[in-house]
Amino acid sequence: MYSKKFTRLAFGLLADSGLKIPLIQNVSSKVKAARSLCSWTVCLHHRQKSQLSNGLTRLNVRSISQSTLDPAEVRKFQAMASKWWDLQGELSALHSMNDLRVPFIRDNLLNMHGVRQLGKPLSGLRILDVGCGGGLLSEPLGRLGADVLGIDPVEDSVRTAELHCSYDPDFRERVRYQACTLEELAEDEAESFHAIVASEVVEHLADLDAFANCCHQVLKPGGSLFITTINKTNLSYVFGIVAAEQLLRIVPSGTHDWEKFISPEDLERLLESFGFYVEAIRGMMYNPLTGAWSWQQSTAINYALHAVKRKEEPQPDRV
């Protein structure tokens, strides 16, 4: 009873918050400064050059750690490894999120690449699912015809994904899993994927710079990066931690750390500094009374983002 009252009150606060953000934000890049990216496998620094008024060149160096992996986060998800496919369990909200995130990924990829095959619209596209867990998103993307590789550092989660995938022979050729980190994969998969999906992942990473750098490394030029995550606002603390974890028990207590949340603006700036431009941002909202997600005008709590890796500009012929 109290949970329902709290939910209605919280939804009322959101409706009255006055946060009006367009449902779809088509964003053009604002960062056009020259960049110099050393391969992260050789040099773990990202350099940005900008010209000073006196004609000298200033070199901004931002250190990038060797791993996106946070051991504390791995321990959290290790405890959930056997629960991924419990439709009524602690991860049920992720299952229902597929109603939004799968069409979001599909439609944006179709806009970029066109329909490849009737019935299998993503046929011929190679997609990397980062932090795949038990394969909740990898499988529906494979069902749409994509060649999907799901990676996760938790080996038990990968085994859960492989076991569930084995029940459907249609996935045998199209969906594969590997227990590894993104940076480990990037060493052998340079410019190999048409798209990367990182859904409910970035808020659990140790180093977002390393993440963005690795994504740029493994994506083909013009490839897409899809992210769903949680904004860093007062409302996201109320909904994402107090309500979801402590009151309504939608997800296990301790799943999220508010300090790791990131705003759409900060995420956009980060991605632009690594050679992406942001194509679209959409607000999302989970209703615990119905167990359903919906698109929202406000990005104050959850949001989905689609970014694209810039293609190299052709160099003019020199005489």
C-alpha atoms as a PDB file:
ATOM      1  CA  MET A   1       0.000   0.000   0.000  1.00  0.00           C
ATOM      2  CA  TYR A   2       2.744   2.453   0.974  1.00  0.00           C
ATOM      3  CA  SER A   3       4.748   1.540  -2.116  1.00  0.00           C
ATOM      4  CA  LYS A   4       1.805   2.407  -4.359  1.00  0.00           C
ATOM      5  CA  LYS A   5       1.243   5.691  -2.562  1.00  0.00           C
ATOM      6  CA  PHE A   6       4.929   6.569  -2.870  1.00  0.00           C
ATOM      7  CA  THR A   7       4.897   5.711  -6.576  1.00  0.00           C
ATOM      8  CA  ARG A   8       1.870   7.937  -7.258  1.00  0.00           C
ATOM      9  CA  LEU A   9       3.488  10.757  -5.280  1.00  0.00           C
ATOM     10  CA  ALA A  10       6.776  10.395  -7.112  1.00  0.00           C
ATOM     11  CA  PHE A  11       5.077  10.406 -10.509  1.00  0.00           C
ATOM     12  CA  GLY A  12       3.258  13.554  -9.459  1.00  0.00           C
ATOM     13  CA  LEU A  13       6.543  15.206  -8.519  1.00  0.00           C
ATOM     14  CA  LEU A  14       7.970  14.294 -11.905  1.00  0.00           C
ATOM     15  CA  ALA A  15       4.962  15.671 -13.726  1.00  0.00           C
ATOM     16  CA  ASP A  16       5.183  18.924 -11.779  1.00  0.00           C
ATOM     17  CA  SER A  17       8.957  19.249 -11.969  1.00  0.00           C
ATOM     18  CA  GLY A  18       8.787  21.503 -14.997  1.00  0.00           C
ATOM     19  CA  LEU A  19      11.550  19.615 -16.737  1.00  0.00           C
ATOM     20  CA  LYS A  20      10.540  19.820 -20.360  1.00  0.00           C
ATOM     21  CA  ILE A  21      13.064  18.336 -22.749  1.00  0.00           C
ATOM     22  CA  PRO A  22      12.151  17.470 -26.355  1.00  0.00           C
ATOM     23  CA  LEU A  23      11.149  13.833 -26.857  1.00  0.00           C
ATOM     24  CA  ILE A  24      13.831  13.412 -29.490  1.00  0.00           C
ATOM     25  CA  GLN A  25      16.847  15.662 -29.456  1.00  0.00           C
ATOM     26  CA  ASN A  26      18.622  15.623 -32.785  1.00  0.00           C
ATOM     27  CA  VAL A  27      22.010  16.896 -31.840  1.00  0.00           C
ATOM     28  CA  SER A  28      24.681  18.216 -34.113  1.00  0.00           C
ATOM     29  CA  SER A  29      28.276  18.126 -32.984  1.00  0.00           C
ATOM     30  CA  LYS A  30      29.611  21.265 -31.367  1.00  0.00           C
ATOM     31  CA  VAL A  31      33.123  20.074 -30.857  1.00  0.00           C
ATOM     32  CA  LYS A  32      35.279  20.427 -33.971  1.00  0.00           C
ATOM     33  CA  ALA A  33      38.687  20.852 -32.410  1.00  0.00           C
ATOM     34  CA  ALA A  34      41.511  18.836 -33.888  1.00  0.00           C
ATOM     35  CA  ARG A  35      42.115  15.538 -32.156  1.00  0.00           C
ATOM     36  CA  SER A  36      45.010  13.139 -32.065  1.00  0.00           C
ATOM     37  CA  LEU A  37      44.076   9.649 -30.878  1.00  0.00           C
ATOM     38  CA  CYS A  38      46.925   7.276 -30.122  1.00  0.00           C
ATOM     39  CA  SER A  39      45.819   3.653 -30.278  1.00  0.00           C
ATOM     40  CA  TRP A  40      44.874   2.785 -26.708  1.00  0.00           C
ATOM     41  CA  THR A  41      46.645  -0.533 -27.021  1.00  0.00           C
ATOM     42  CA  VAL A  42      49.908   1.344 -27.490  1.00  0.00           C
ATOM     43  CA  CYS A  43      49.410   4.595 -25.601  1.00  0.00           C
ATOM     44  CA  LEU A  44      46.815   5.072 -22.889  1.00  0.00           C
ATOM     45  CA  HIS A  45      46.456   8.818 -23.301  1.00  0.00           C
ATOM     46  CA  HIS A  46      43.970  10.915 -25.208  1.00  0.00           C
ATOM     47  CA  ARG A  47      45.451  14.081 -26.621  1.00  0.00           C
ATOM     48  CA  GLN A  48      43.589  17.153 -27.718  1.00  0.00           C
ATOM     49  CA  LYS A  49      45.417  19.973 -29.467  1.00  0.00           C
ATOM     50  CA  SER A  50      44.191  23.553 -29.476  1.00  0.00           C
ATOM     51  CA  GLN A  51      45.849  26.621 -30.897  1.00  0.00           C
ATOM     52  CA  LEU A  52      46.806  29.450 -28.551  1.00  0.00           C
ATOM     53  CA  SER A  53      46.511  33.032 -29.583  1.00  0.00           C
ATOM     54  CA  ASN A  54      50.301  33.399 -29.733  1.00  0.00           C
ATOM     55  CA  GLY A  55      50.580  30.635 -32.300  1.00  0.00           C
ATOM     56  CA  LEU A  56      51.874  27.985 -29.898  1.00  0.00           C
ATOM     57  CA  THR A  57      50.197  24.590 -29.590  1.00  0.00           C
ATOM     58  CA  ARG A  58      48.881  23.455 -26.252  1.00  0.00           C
ATOM     59  CA  LEU A  59      48.640  19.715 -25.631  1.00  0.00           C
ATOM     60  CA  ASN A  60      45.889  18.592 -23.281  1.00  0.00           C
ATOM     61  CA  VAL A  61      46.542  15.112 -21.936  1.00  0.00           C
ATOM     62  CA  ARG A  62      43.821  13.133 -20.209  1.00  0.00           C
ATOM     63  CA  SER A  63      44.946   9.916 -18.578  1.00  0.00           C
ATOM     64  CA  ILE A  64      42.995   6.769 -19.429  1.00  0.00           C
ATOM     65  CA  SER A  65      43.147   3.774 -17.125  1.00  0.00           C
ATOM     66  CA  GLN A  66      43.876   0.314 -18.474  1.00  0.00           C
ATOM     67  CA  SER A  67      40.491  -1.102 -17.490  1.00  0.00           C
ATOM     68  CA  THR A  68      36.813  -0.198 -17.503  1.00  0.00           C
ATOM     69  CA  LEU A  69      36.313  -2.937 -14.919  1.00  0.00           C
ATOM     70  CA  ASP A  70      35.228  -2.107 -11.374  1.00  0.00           C
ATOM     71  CA  PRO A  71      35.811  -5.188  -9.154  1.00  0.00           C
ATOM     72  CA  ALA A  72      33.049  -4.140  -6.752  1.00  0.00           C
ATOM     73  CA  GLU A  73      30.547  -4.033  -9.629  1.00  0.00           C
ATOM     74  CA  VAL A  74      31.672  -7.481 -10.799  1.00  0.00           C
ATOM     75  CA  ARG A  75      30.939  -8.871  -7.346  1.00  0.00           C
ATOM     76  CA  LYS A  76      27.424  -7.368  -7.426  1.00  0.00           C
ATOM     77  CA  PHE A  77      26.563  -9.001 -10.742  1.00  0.00           C
ATOM     78  CA  GLN A  78      28.222 -12.258  -9.803  1.00  0.00           C
ATOM     79  CA  ALA A  79      25.493 -12.621  -7.179  1.00  0.00           C
ATOM     80  CA  MET A  80      22.804 -12.084  -9.848  1.00  0.00           C
ATOM     81  CA  ALA A  81      24.235 -14.457 -12.473  1.00  0.00           C
ATOM     82  CA  SER A  82      21.559 -17.121 -12.033  1.00  0.00           C
ATOM     83  CA  LYS A  83      18.640 -14.662 -12.011  1.00  0.00           C
ATOM     84  CA  TRP A  84      18.831 -13.124 -15.501  1.00  0.00           C
ATOM     85  CA  TRP A  85      15.919 -15.068 -17.017  1.00  0.00           C
ATOM     86  CA  ASP A  86      13.523 -14.853 -14.068  1.00  0.00           C
ATOM     87  CA  LEU A  87      10.822 -12.752 -15.721  1.00  0.00           C
ATOM     88  CA  GLN A  88       9.194 -11.942 -12.381  1.00  0.00           C
ATOM     89  CA  GLY A  89      12.396 -11.513 -10.392  1.00  0.00           C
ATOM     90  CA  GLU A  90      14.789  -8.713  -9.504  1.00  0.00           C
ATOM     91  CA  LEU A  91      15.725  -8.079 -13.150  1.00  0.00           C
ATOM     92  CA  SER A  92      12.189  -7.990 -14.558  1.00  0.00           C
ATOM     93  CA  ALA A  93      12.510  -4.261 -15.339  1.00  0.00           C
ATOM     94  CA  LEU A  94      15.336  -5.058 -17.764  1.00  0.00           C
ATOM     95  CA  HIS A  95      13.127  -7.553 -19.577  1.00  0.00           C
ATOM     96  CA  SER A  96      10.362  -4.988 -20.008  1.00  0.00           C
ATOM     97  CA  MET A  97      12.899  -2.366 -21.119  1.00  0.00           C
ATOM     98  CA  ASN A  98      13.307  -4.388 -24.323  1.00  0.00           C
ATOM     99  CA  ASP A  99       9.960  -2.956 -25.437  1.00  0.00           C
ATOM    100  CA  LEU A 100      11.749   0.391 -25.831  1.00  0.00           C
ATOM    101  CA  ARG A 101      15.412  -0.338 -26.408  1.00  0.00           C
ATOM    102  CA  VAL A 102      15.057  -3.005 -29.114  1.00  0.00           C
ATOM    103  CA  PRO A 103      12.927  -0.789 -31.422  1.00  0.00           C
ATOM    104  CA  PHE A 104      15.207   2.173 -30.617  1.00  0.00           C
ATOM    105  CA  ILE A 105      18.250   0.229 -31.798  1.00  0.00           C
ATOM    106  CA  ARG A 106      16.455  -1.380 -34.754  1.00  0.00           C
ATOM    107  CA  ASP A 107      14.909   1.803 -36.123  1.00  0.00           C
ATOM    108  CA  ASN A 108      18.094   3.865 -35.855  1.00  0.00           C
ATOM    109  CA  LEU A 109      20.131   1.133 -37.555  1.00  0.00           C
ATOM    110  CA  LEU A 110      17.554   0.868 -40.337  1.00  0.00           C
ATOM    111  CA  ASN A 111      17.781   4.632 -40.827  1.00  0.00           C
ATOM    112  CA  MET A 112      21.554   4.271 -41.137  1.00  0.00           C
ATOM    113  CA  HIS A 113      21.766   1.110 -43.232  1.00  0.00           C
ATOM    114  CA  GLY A 114      18.348   0.388 -44.727  1.00  0.00           C
ATOM    115  CA  VAL A 115      16.443  -2.917 -44.642  1.00  0.00           C
ATOM    116  CA  ARG A 116      18.785  -5.808 -45.411  1.00  0.00           C
ATOM    117  CA  GLN A 117      16.310  -8.710 -45.495  1.00  0.00           C
ATOM    118  CA  LEU A 118      12.568  -8.985 -44.941  1.00  0.00           C
ATOM    119  CA  GLY A 119      11.867 -10.681 -41.632  1.00  0.00           C
ATOM    120  CA  LYS A 120      15.505 -10.217 -40.597  1.00  0.00           C
ATOM    121  CA  PRO A 121      15.942  -6.429 -40.937  1.00  0.00           C
ATOM    122  CA  LEU A 122      19.348  -6.351 -39.213  1.00  0.00           C
ATOM    123  CA  SER A 123      20.795  -9.165 -41.306  1.00  0.00           C
ATOM    124  CA  GLY A 124      24.419  -8.515 -42.270  1.00  0.00           C
ATOM    125  CA  LEU A 125      25.079  -6.168 -39.341  1.00  0.00           C
ATOM    126  CA  ARG A 126      27.565  -7.119 -36.641  1.00  0.00           C
ATOM    127  CA  ILE A 127      26.590  -5.862 -33.161  1.00  0.00           C
ATOM    128  CA  LEU A 128      28.622  -5.916 -29.944  1.00  0.00           C
ATOM    129  CA  ASP A 129      26.567  -6.123 -26.737  1.00  0.00           C
ATOM    130  CA  VAL A 130      28.822  -4.790 -23.951  1.00  0.00           C
ATOM    131  CA  GLY A 131      27.898  -5.999 -20.468  1.00  0.00           C
ATOM    132  CA  CYS A 132      25.474  -8.503 -21.958  1.00  0.00           C
ATOM    133  CA  GLY A 133      24.696 -10.242 -18.664  1.00  0.00           C
ATOM    134  CA  GLY A 134      22.464 -13.228 -19.386  1.00  0.00           C
ATOM    135  CA  GLY A 135      21.789 -12.155 -22.971  1.00  0.00           C
ATOM    136  CA  LEU A 136      18.512 -10.312 -22.418  1.00  0.00           C
ATOM    137  CA  LEU A 137      19.254  -7.887 -25.246  1.00  0.00           C
ATOM    138  CA  SER A 138      21.581 -10.047 -27.362  1.00  0.00           C
ATOM    139  CA  GLU A 139      18.867 -12.584 -28.150  1.00  0.00           C
ATOM    140  CA  PRO A 140      16.199 -10.201 -29.530  1.00  0.00           C
ATOM    141  CA  LEU A 141      18.847  -8.467 -31.661  1.00  0.00           C
ATOM    142  CA  GLY A 142      19.901 -11.858 -33.000  1.00  0.00           C
ATOM    143  CA  ARG A 143      16.258 -12.671 -33.691  1.00  0.00           C
ATOM    144  CA  LEU A 144      16.182  -9.569 -35.924  1.00  0.00           C
ATOM    145  CA  GLY A 145      18.986 -11.093 -37.994  1.00  0.00           C
ATOM    146  CA  ALA A 146      22.056  -9.372 -36.545  1.00  0.00           C
ATOM    147  CA  ASP A 147      25.306 -11.200 -35.899  1.00  0.00           C
ATOM    148  CA  VAL A 148      25.669 -10.506 -32.162  1.00  0.00           C
ATOM    149  CA  LEU A 149      28.649 -10.921 -29.873  1.00  0.00           C
ATOM    150  CA  GLY A 150      27.795 -10.458 -26.199  1.00  0.00           C
ATOM    151  CA  ILE A 151      30.648  -9.834 -23.773  1.00  0.00           C
ATOM    152  CA  ASP A 152      30.647  -9.692 -19.993  1.00  0.00           C
ATOM    153  CA  PRO A 153      33.411  -9.989 -17.378  1.00  0.00           C
ATOM    154  CA  VAL A 154      31.228 -12.221 -15.169  1.00  0.00           C
ATOM    155  CA  GLU A 155      31.802 -15.773 -16.411  1.00  0.00           C
ATOM    156  CA  ASP A 156      28.719 -17.163 -14.657  1.00  0.00           C
ATOM    157  CA  SER A 157      26.524 -14.637 -16.479  1.00  0.00           C
ATOM    158  CA  VAL A 158      28.069 -15.640 -19.803  1.00  0.00           C
ATOM    159  CA  ARG A 159      27.389 -19.321 -19.042  1.00  0.00           C
ATOM    160  CA  THR A 160      23.785 -18.419 -18.220  1.00  0.00           C
ATOM    161  CA  ALA A 161      23.505 -16.583 -21.550  1.00  0.00           C
ATOM    162  CA  GLU A 162      25.026 -19.484 -23.488  1.00  0.00           C
ATOM    163  CA  LEU A 163      22.718 -22.010 -21.836  1.00  0.00           C
ATOM    164  CA  HIS A 164      19.584 -19.993 -22.553  1.00  0.00           C
ATOM    165  CA  CYS A 165      20.695 -19.328 -26.129  1.00  0.00           C
ATOM    166  CA  SER A 166      21.271 -23.050 -26.727  1.00  0.00           C
ATOM    167  CA  TYR A 167      17.534 -23.732 -26.367  1.00  0.00           C
ATOM    168  CA  ASP A 168      16.842 -21.979 -29.686  1.00  0.00           C
ATOM    169  CA  PRO A 169      18.707 -23.411 -32.708  1.00  0.00           C
ATOM    170  CA  ASP A 170      18.018 -20.184 -34.619  1.00  0.00           C
ATOM    171  CA  PHE A 171      20.673 -18.463 -32.489  1.00  0.00           C
ATOM    172  CA  ARG A 172      23.500 -20.933 -33.042  1.00  0.00           C
ATOM    173  CA  GLU A 173      24.997 -19.100 -35.979  1.00  0.00           C
ATOM    174  CA  ARG A 174      24.132 -15.549 -35.012  1.00  0.00           C
ATOM    175  CA  VAL A 175      24.546 -15.073 -31.246  1.00  0.00           C
ATOM    176  CA  ARG A 176      27.807 -15.781 -29.446  1.00  0.00           C
ATOM    177  CA  TYR A 177      29.142 -14.899 -26.015  1.00  0.00           C
ATOM    178  CA  GLN A 178      32.580 -14.294 -24.587  1.00  0.00           C
ATOM    179  CA  ALA A 179      33.745 -13.710 -21.013  1.00  0.00           C
ATOM    180  CA  CYS A 180      36.028 -10.706 -21.343  1.00  0.00           C
ATOM    181  CA  THR A 181      36.224  -6.931 -20.950  1.00  0.00           C
ATOM    182  CA  LEU A 182      35.778  -4.403 -23.726  1.00  0.00           C
ATOM    183  CA  GLU A 183      39.430  -3.437 -23.652  1.00  0.00           C
ATOM    184  CA  GLU A 184      40.536  -7.065 -23.991  1.00  0.00           C
ATOM    185  CA  LEU A 185      38.305  -7.509 -27.026  1.00  0.00           C
ATOM    186  CA  ALA A 186      39.487  -4.263 -28.639  1.00  0.00           C
ATOM    187  CA  GLU A 187      42.995  -5.620 -29.060  1.00  0.00           C
ATOM    188  CA  ASP A 188      41.779  -8.033 -31.757  1.00  0.00           C
ATOM    189  CA  GLU A 189      38.613  -6.393 -33.087  1.00  0.00           C
ATOM    190  CA  ALA A 190      39.614  -3.010 -34.500  1.00  0.00           C
ATOM    191  CA  GLU A 191      36.822  -1.468 -36.625  1.00  0.00           C
ATOM    192  CA  SER A 192      34.906  -4.763 -36.677  1.00  0.00           C
ATOM    193  CA  PHE A 193      31.366  -3.821 -35.596  1.00  0.00           C
ATOM    194  CA  HIS A 194      28.540  -1.870 -37.190  1.00  0.00           C
ATOM    195  CA  ALA A 195      27.062  -1.097 -33.773  1.00  0.00           C
ATOM    196  CA  ILE A 196      27.765  -1.315 -30.046  1.00  0.00           C
ATOM    197  CA  VAL A 197      25.062  -1.599 -27.409  1.00  0.00           C
ATOM    198  CA  ALA A 198      25.807  -0.690 -23.787  1.00  0.00           C
ATOM    199  CA  SER A 199      22.468  -0.806 -22.020  1.00  0.00           C
ATOM    200  CA  GLU A 200      22.462  -0.053 -18.272  1.00  0.00           C
ATOM    201  CA  VAL A 201      26.241  -0.447 -18.281  1.00  0.00           C
ATOM    202  CA  VAL A 202      28.075   2.890 -18.153  1.00  0.00           C
ATOM    203  CA  GLU A 203      26.846   3.614 -14.596  1.00  0.00           C
ATOM    204  CA  HIS A 204      28.792   0.539 -13.459  1.00  0.00           C
ATOM    205  CA  LEU A 205      32.132   1.249 -15.178  1.00  0.00           C
ATOM    206  CA  ALA A 206      35.382   2.347 -13.559  1.00  0.00           C
ATOM    207  CA  ASP A 207      36.554   4.619 -16.404  1.00  0.00           C
ATOM    208  CA  LEU A 208      34.241   6.196 -18.979  1.00  0.00           C
ATOM    209  CA  ASP A 209      37.171   7.616 -20.954  1.00  0.00           C
ATOM    210  CA  ALA A 210      38.541   4.111 -21.477  1.00  0.00           C
ATOM    211  CA  PHE A 211      35.054   2.939 -22.451  1.00  0.00           C
ATOM    212  CA  ALA A 212      34.582   5.658 -25.068  1.00  0.00           C
ATOM    213  CA  ASN A 213      38.078   5.087 -26.432  1.00  0.00           C
ATOM    214  CA  CYS A 214      37.519   1.327 -26.778  1.00  0.00           C
ATOM    215  CA  CYS A 215      34.134   1.847 -28.445  1.00  0.00           C
ATOM    216  CA  HIS A 216      35.773   4.130 -30.988  1.00  0.00           C
ATOM    217  CA  GLN A 217      38.452   1.484 -31.511  1.00  0.00           C
ATOM    218  CA  VAL A 218      36.144  -1.420 -32.365  1.00  0.00           C
ATOM    219  CA  LEU A 219      33.444   0.437 -34.327  1.00  0.00           C
ATOM    220  CA  LYS A 220      33.573   0.777 -38.090  1.00  0.00           C
ATOM    221  CA  PRO A 221      33.606   4.391 -39.345  1.00  0.00           C
ATOM    222  CA  GLY A 222      29.998   5.542 -39.327  1.00  0.00           C
ATOM    223  CA  GLY A 223      29.125   2.852 -36.769  1.00  0.00           C
ATOM    224  CA  SER A 224      26.515   3.400 -34.061  1.00  0.00           C
ATOM    225  CA  LEU A 225      26.842   3.423 -30.280  1.00  0.00           C
ATOM    226  CA  PHE A 226      23.631   2.879 -28.283  1.00  0.00           C
ATOM    227  CA  ILE A 227      23.568   3.658 -24.569  1.00  0.00           C
ATOM    228  CA  THR A 228      20.806   3.562 -21.992  1.00  0.00           C
ATOM    229  CA  THR A 229      21.677   4.838 -18.542  1.00  0.00           C
ATOM    230  CA  ILE A 230      20.580   7.021 -15.633  1.00  0.00           C
ATOM    231  CA  ASN A 231      20.877  10.797 -15.378  1.00  0.00           C
ATOM    232  CA  LYS A 232      22.589  12.391 -12.399  1.00  0.00           C
ATOM    233  CA  THR A 233      19.762  14.433 -10.858  1.00  0.00           C
ATOM    234  CA  ASN A 234      17.851  14.655  -7.586  1.00  0.00           C
ATOM    235  CA  LEU A 235      14.960  12.825  -9.221  1.00  0.00           C
ATOM    236  CA  SER A 236      17.225   9.993 -10.377  1.00  0.00           C
ATOM    237  CA  TYR A 237      18.381   9.563  -6.786  1.00  0.00           C
ATOM    238  CA  VAL A 238      14.781   9.421  -5.554  1.00  0.00           C
ATOM    239  CA  PHE A 239      13.606   7.022  -8.263  1.00  0.00           C
ATOM    240  CA  GLY A 240      16.759   5.063  -9.068  1.00  0.00           C
ATOM    241  CA  ILE A 241      18.013   4.417  -5.560  1.00  0.00           C
ATOM    242  CA  VAL A 242      15.520   5.318  -2.814  1.00  0.00           C
ATOM    243  CA  ALA A 243      12.429   4.020  -4.615  1.00  0.00           C
ATOM    244  CA  ALA A 244      13.837   1.298  -6.883  1.00  0.00           C
ATOM    245  CA  GLU A 245      16.260  -0.238  -4.392  1.00  0.00           C
ATOM    246  CA  GLN A 246      15.084   0.619  -0.884  1.00  0.00           C
ATOM    247  CA  LEU A 247      11.295   0.934  -1.065  1.00  0.00           C
ATOM    248  CA  LEU A 248       9.939  -0.924  -4.084  1.00  0.00           C
ATOM    249  CA  ARG A 249      12.775  -3.466  -4.347  1.00  0.00           C
ATOM    250  CA  ILE A 250      12.669  -3.308  -8.154  1.00  0.00           C
ATOM    251  CA  VAL A 251      16.397  -4.038  -8.208  1.00  0.00           C
ATOM    252  CA  PRO A 252      18.641  -5.379  -5.417  1.00  0.00           C
ATOM    253  CA  SER A 253      19.812  -2.858  -2.824  1.00  0.00           C
ATOM    254  CA  GLY A 254      23.253  -1.483  -3.632  1.00  0.00           C
ATOM    255  CA  THR A 255      22.930  -2.019  -7.395  1.00  0.00           C
ATOM    256  CA  HIS A 256      23.583   1.634  -8.188  1.00  0.00           C
ATOM    257  CA  ASP A 257      25.967   4.339  -7.023  1.00  0.00           C
ATOM    258  CA  TRP A 258      24.560   7.820  -7.686  1.00  0.00           C
ATOM    259  CA  GLU A 259      28.074   9.245  -8.012  1.00  0.00           C
ATOM    260  CA  LYS A 260      28.571   7.112 -11.121  1.00  0.00           C
ATOM    261  CA  PHE A 261      25.461   8.439 -12.878  1.00  0.00           C
ATOM    262  CA  ILE A 262      26.089  10.814 -15.792  1.00  0.00           C
ATOM    263  CA  SER A 263      23.972  13.519 -17.409  1.00  0.00           C
ATOM    264  CA  PRO A 264      23.184  13.438 -21.147  1.00  0.00           C
ATOM    265  CA  GLU A 265      25.143  16.661 -21.599  1.00  0.00           C
ATOM    266  CA  ASP A 266      28.277  15.298 -19.939  1.00  0.00           C
ATOM    267  CA  LEU A 267      27.998  12.010 -21.827  1.00  0.00           C
ATOM    268  CA  GLU A 268      27.608  13.857 -25.110  1.00  0.00           C
ATOM    269  CA  ARG A 269      30.693  15.985 -24.429  1.00  0.00           C
ATOM    270  CA  LEU A 270      32.687  12.894 -23.517  1.00  0.00           C
ATOM    271  CA  LEU A 271      31.700  11.031 -26.669  1.00  0.00           C
ATOM    272  CA  GLU A 272      32.362  14.034 -28.907  1.00  0.00           C
ATOM    273  CA  SER A 273      35.878  14.308 -27.501  1.00  0.00           C
ATOM    274  CA  PHE A 274      36.514  10.744 -28.673  1.00  0.00           C
ATOM    275  CA  GLY A 275      35.316  11.175 -32.243  1.00  0.00           C
ATOM    276  CA  PHE A 276      31.536  10.615 -32.005  1.00  0.00           C
ATOM    277  CA  TYR A 277      28.594  12.872 -32.700  1.00  0.00           C
ATOM    278  CA  VAL A 278      25.288  12.387 -30.871  1.00  0.00           C
ATOM    279  CA  GLU A 279      22.361  11.734 -33.171  1.00  0.00           C
ATOM    280  CA  ALA A 280      19.468  11.405 -30.694  1.00  0.00           C
ATOM    281  CA  ILE A 281      18.606  11.423 -26.985  1.00  0.00           C
ATOM    282  CA  ARG A 282      15.264  10.248 -25.581  1.00  0.00           C
ATOM    283  CA  GLY A 283      13.921  10.250 -22.038  1.00  0.00           C
ATOM    284  CA  MET A 284      12.644   7.012 -20.502  1.00  0.00           C
ATOM    285  CA  MET A 285      10.459   6.213 -17.488  1.00  0.00           C
ATOM    286  CA  TYR A 286       9.610   2.981 -15.661  1.00  0.00           C
ATOM    287  CA  ASN A 287       6.201   2.591 -14.050  1.00  0.00           C
ATOM    288  CA  PRO A 288       6.414   0.007 -11.231  1.00  0.00           C
ATOM    289  CA  LEU A 289       2.623  -0.220 -11.047  1.00  0.00           C
ATOM    290  CA  THR A 290       2.350  -1.558 -14.601  1.00  0.00           C
ATOM    291  CA  GLY A 291       5.868  -2.936 -14.976  1.00  0.00           C
ATOM    292  CA  ALA A 292       6.202  -1.059 -18.275  1.00  0.00           C
ATOM    293  CA  TRP A 293       8.594   1.508 -19.730  1.00  0.00           C
ATOM    294  CA  SER A 294       7.566   4.514 -21.795  1.00  0.00           C
ATOM    295  CA  TRP A 295       9.245   7.346 -23.659  1.00  0.00           C
ATOM    296  CA  GLN A 296       9.137  10.663 -21.796  1.00  0.00           C
ATOM    297  CA  GLN A 297       9.776  14.301 -22.605  1.00  0.00           C
ATOM    298  CA  SER A 298      12.078  14.542 -19.609  1.00  0.00           C
ATOM    299  CA  THR A 299      15.520  12.913 -19.428  1.00  0.00           C
ATOM    300  CA  ALA A 300      15.694  13.630 -15.676  1.00  0.00           C
ATOM    301  CA  ILE A 301      15.793   9.947 -14.708  1.00  0.00           C
ATOM    302  CA  ASN A 302      16.555   7.428 -17.481  1.00  0.00           C
ATOM    303  CA  TYR A 303      17.531   8.135 -21.069  1.00  0.00           C
ATOM    304  CA  ALA A 304      18.614   6.453 -24.285  1.00  0.00           C
ATOM    305  CA  LEU A 305      21.339   7.882 -26.508  1.00  0.00           C
ATOM    306  CA  HIS A 306      22.422   7.118 -30.064  1.00  0.00           C
ATOM    307  CA  ALA A 307      25.891   8.299 -31.119  1.00  0.00           C
ATOM    308  CA  VAL A 308      27.770   7.751 -34.378  1.00  0.00           C
ATOM    309  CA  LYS A 309      31.495   7.356 -34.960  1.00  0.00           C
ATOM    310  CA  ARG A 310      32.690  10.052 -37.317  1.00  0.00           C
ATOM    311  CA  LYS A 311      34.046   8.996 -40.661  1.00  0.00           C
ATOM    312  CA  GLU A 312      37.492  10.223 -41.564  1.00  0.00           C
ATOM    313  CA  GLU A 313      37.377  13.282 -43.773  1.00  0.00           C
ATOM    314  CA  PRO A 314      38.994  12.605 -47.166  1.00  0.00           C
ATOM    315  CA  GLN A 315      42.322  14.365 -47.478  1.00  0.00           C
ATOM    316  CA  PRO A 316      42.736  16.649 -50.509  1.00  0.00           C
ATOM    317  CA  ASP A 317      45.271  15.483 -53.066  1.00  0.00           C
ATOM    318  CA  ARG A 318      48.583  17.194 -52.749  1.00  0.00           C
ATOM    319  CA  VAL A 319      50.305  18.477 -55.839  1.00  0.00           C
END
